[in-house]
Amino acid sequence: MKYTVKFTATAEEDLRNIAFSVARISGSITIAKNLVAELRTKTQRLEDFPLSGAIPNDRVMMSNDYRFLIHNDYLTFYRVDEETKTVYVFAVFNGRLDYTRALNKYL
């Protein structure tokens, strides 16, 4: 059975911020749009393989059943609701950041 992938409002905002940042740095709206499209495509595989993401090393995140996907320098954090067969994407951000600090607002 396929799962439904849903981006939270925060994750959608993260994607917008990534697009603006990449467009500003690269000078190309096309590059920014392509990166966001790649990030979205990567998460779509969770429809068939919701547990395919890595488990974070952080104990709190691990105990709250977070998983993450890696694409280039970006991390996409999500949780799976087995009851509703839904994958909730909570955050997408540059992996060069301290992800535990960035995700504290979700725990």
C-alpha atoms as a PDB file:
ATOM      1  CA  MET A   1       0.000   0.000   0.000  1.00  0.00           C
ATOM      2  CA  LYS A   2       1.305   3.437  -0.909  1.00  0.00           C
ATOM      3  CA  TYR A   3       1.806   6.050   1.755  1.00  0.00           C
ATOM      4  CA  THR A   4       0.812   9.690   1.376  1.00  0.00           C
ATOM      5  CA  VAL A   5       3.627  12.242   1.699  1.00  0.00           C
ATOM      6  CA  LYS A   6       2.609  15.557   3.271  1.00  0.00           C
ATOM      7  CA  PHE A   7       4.819  18.589   3.762  1.00  0.00           C
ATOM      8  CA  THR A   8       4.093  20.656   6.853  1.00  0.00           C
ATOM      9  CA  ALA A   9       3.783  24.431   6.478  1.00  0.00           C
ATOM     10  CA  THR A  10       7.240  24.740   8.006  1.00  0.00           C
ATOM     11  CA  ALA A  11       8.758  22.333   5.468  1.00  0.00           C
ATOM     12  CA  GLU A  12       7.092  24.253   2.623  1.00  0.00           C
ATOM     13  CA  GLU A  13       8.566  27.463   4.015  1.00  0.00           C
ATOM     14  CA  ASP A  14      11.966  25.760   4.248  1.00  0.00           C
ATOM     15  CA  LEU A  15      11.759  24.882   0.547  1.00  0.00           C
ATOM     16  CA  ARG A  16      10.861  28.477  -0.351  1.00  0.00           C
ATOM     17  CA  ASN A  17      13.786  29.774   1.709  1.00  0.00           C
ATOM     18  CA  ILE A  18      16.139  27.281   0.045  1.00  0.00           C
ATOM     19  CA  ALA A  19      14.933  28.410  -3.391  1.00  0.00           C
ATOM     20  CA  PHE A  20      15.451  32.095  -2.561  1.00  0.00           C
ATOM     21  CA  SER A  21      18.873  31.427  -1.083  1.00  0.00           C
ATOM     22  CA  VAL A  22      20.082  29.294  -3.992  1.00  0.00           C
ATOM     23  CA  ALA A  23      18.714  31.787  -6.534  1.00  0.00           C
ATOM     24  CA  ARG A  24      20.503  34.647  -4.759  1.00  0.00           C
ATOM     25  CA  ILE A  25      23.813  32.781  -4.484  1.00  0.00           C
ATOM     26  CA  SER A  26      23.777  31.203  -7.939  1.00  0.00           C
ATOM     27  CA  GLY A  27      22.079  34.045  -9.754  1.00  0.00           C
ATOM     28  CA  SER A  28      19.801  31.488 -11.409  1.00  0.00           C
ATOM     29  CA  ILE A  29      16.127  30.934 -10.711  1.00  0.00           C
ATOM     30  CA  THR A  30      16.325  27.775 -12.832  1.00  0.00           C
ATOM     31  CA  ILE A  31      18.994  26.234 -10.600  1.00  0.00           C
ATOM     32  CA  ALA A  32      16.912  27.077  -7.523  1.00  0.00           C
ATOM     33  CA  LYS A  33      13.733  25.591  -8.996  1.00  0.00           C
ATOM     34  CA  ASN A  34      15.571  22.454 -10.102  1.00  0.00           C
ATOM     35  CA  LEU A  35      17.016  21.897  -6.625  1.00  0.00           C
ATOM     36  CA  VAL A  36      13.611  22.233  -4.970  1.00  0.00           C
ATOM     37  CA  ALA A  37      12.129  19.868  -7.569  1.00  0.00           C
ATOM     38  CA  GLU A  38      14.904  17.350  -6.836  1.00  0.00           C
ATOM     39  CA  LEU A  39      14.218  17.586  -3.097  1.00  0.00           C
ATOM     40  CA  ARG A  40      10.501  16.989  -3.671  1.00  0.00           C
ATOM     41  CA  THR A  41      11.185  14.073  -6.026  1.00  0.00           C
ATOM     42  CA  LYS A  42      13.494  12.487  -3.476  1.00  0.00           C
ATOM     43  CA  THR A  43      10.732  12.564  -0.848  1.00  0.00           C
ATOM     44  CA  GLN A  44       8.228  10.974  -3.228  1.00  0.00           C
ATOM     45  CA  ARG A  45      10.065   7.662  -2.950  1.00  0.00           C
ATOM     46  CA  LEU A  46       8.754   7.591   0.621  1.00  0.00           C
ATOM     47  CA  GLU A  47       5.342   6.727  -0.841  1.00  0.00           C
ATOM     48  CA  ASP A  48       6.693   3.226  -1.475  1.00  0.00           C
ATOM     49  CA  PHE A  49       9.569   3.063   1.009  1.00  0.00           C
ATOM     50  CA  PRO A  50       8.648   5.173   4.051  1.00  0.00           C
ATOM     51  CA  LEU A  51      11.310   3.647   6.288  1.00  0.00           C
ATOM     52  CA  SER A  52      14.137   4.055   3.787  1.00  0.00           C
ATOM     53  CA  GLY A  53      15.570   7.178   5.410  1.00  0.00           C
ATOM     54  CA  ALA A  54      18.437   7.101   7.866  1.00  0.00           C
ATOM     55  CA  ILE A  55      17.858   7.181  11.607  1.00  0.00           C
ATOM     56  CA  PRO A  56      19.463  10.195  13.331  1.00  0.00           C
ATOM     57  CA  ASN A  57      22.176   9.598  15.921  1.00  0.00           C
ATOM     58  CA  ASP A  58      20.509  12.004  18.334  1.00  0.00           C
ATOM     59  CA  ARG A  59      18.679  10.020  21.044  1.00  0.00           C
ATOM     60  CA  VAL A  60      15.755  12.424  21.337  1.00  0.00           C
ATOM     61  CA  MET A  61      15.152  12.447  17.610  1.00  0.00           C
ATOM     62  CA  MET A  62      15.566   8.686  17.448  1.00  0.00           C
ATOM     63  CA  SER A  63      13.088   8.149  20.284  1.00  0.00           C
ATOM     64  CA  ASN A  64      10.585  10.380  18.462  1.00  0.00           C
ATOM     65  CA  ASP A  65      10.898   8.204  15.332  1.00  0.00           C
ATOM     66  CA  TYR A  66      12.420  10.839  13.070  1.00  0.00           C
ATOM     67  CA  ARG A  67      14.204   9.754   9.926  1.00  0.00           C
ATOM     68  CA  PHE A  68      15.960  11.757   7.269  1.00  0.00           C
ATOM     69  CA  LEU A  69      16.908  11.740   3.617  1.00  0.00           C
ATOM     70  CA  ILE A  70      20.071  13.279   2.207  1.00  0.00           C
ATOM     71  CA  HIS A  71      20.252  15.092  -1.121  1.00  0.00           C
ATOM     72  CA  ASN A  72      23.458  16.991  -1.889  1.00  0.00           C
ATOM     73  CA  ASP A  73      23.959  19.256   1.151  1.00  0.00           C
ATOM     74  CA  TYR A  74      20.312  19.082   2.216  1.00  0.00           C
ATOM     75  CA  LEU A  75      18.559  17.017   4.865  1.00  0.00           C
ATOM     76  CA  THR A  76      14.837  16.262   4.822  1.00  0.00           C
ATOM     77  CA  PHE A  77      13.460  15.196   8.211  1.00  0.00           C
ATOM     78  CA  TYR A  78      10.231  13.258   8.458  1.00  0.00           C
ATOM     79  CA  ARG A  79       8.132  10.898  10.564  1.00  0.00           C
ATOM     80  CA  VAL A  80       5.860   8.061   9.504  1.00  0.00           C
ATOM     81  CA  ASP A  81       2.344   7.619  10.845  1.00  0.00           C
ATOM     82  CA  GLU A  82       1.632   3.921  10.323  1.00  0.00           C
ATOM     83  CA  GLU A  83      -2.028   4.244  11.336  1.00  0.00           C
ATOM     84  CA  THR A  84      -2.873   6.689   8.559  1.00  0.00           C
ATOM     85  CA  LYS A  85      -0.112   5.531   6.168  1.00  0.00           C
ATOM     86  CA  THR A  86       1.156   9.115   6.011  1.00  0.00           C
ATOM     87  CA  VAL A  87       4.701  10.457   5.888  1.00  0.00           C
ATOM     88  CA  TYR A  88       4.969  13.943   7.402  1.00  0.00           C
ATOM     89  CA  VAL A  89       7.908  16.028   6.215  1.00  0.00           C
ATOM     90  CA  PHE A  90       8.805  18.425   9.025  1.00  0.00           C
ATOM     91  CA  ALA A  91      11.930  20.208   7.875  1.00  0.00           C
ATOM     92  CA  VAL A  92      14.280  20.615   4.933  1.00  0.00           C
ATOM     93  CA  PHE A  93      17.553  22.470   5.389  1.00  0.00           C
ATOM     94  CA  ASN A  94      21.210  22.638   4.577  1.00  0.00           C
ATOM     95  CA  GLY A  95      22.985  19.740   6.270  1.00  0.00           C
ATOM     96  CA  ARG A  96      25.995  21.918   7.055  1.00  0.00           C
ATOM     97  CA  LEU A  97      23.909  23.336   9.899  1.00  0.00           C
ATOM     98  CA  ASP A  98      23.782  21.674  13.288  1.00  0.00           C
ATOM     99  CA  TYR A  99      20.599  19.714  12.620  1.00  0.00           C
ATOM    100  CA  THR A 100      19.822  18.964  16.267  1.00  0.00           C
ATOM    101  CA  ARG A 101      19.778  22.690  17.018  1.00  0.00           C
ATOM    102  CA  ALA A 102      17.677  23.393  13.933  1.00  0.00           C
ATOM    103  CA  LEU A 103      15.154  20.662  14.827  1.00  0.00           C
ATOM    104  CA  ASN A 104      14.790  21.519  18.517  1.00  0.00           C
ATOM    105  CA  LYS A 105      11.686  23.535  17.660  1.00  0.00           C
ATOM    106  CA  TYR A 106       9.982  20.308  16.499  1.00  0.00           C
ATOM    107  CA  LEU A 107      10.746  18.156  19.538  1.00  0.00           C
END
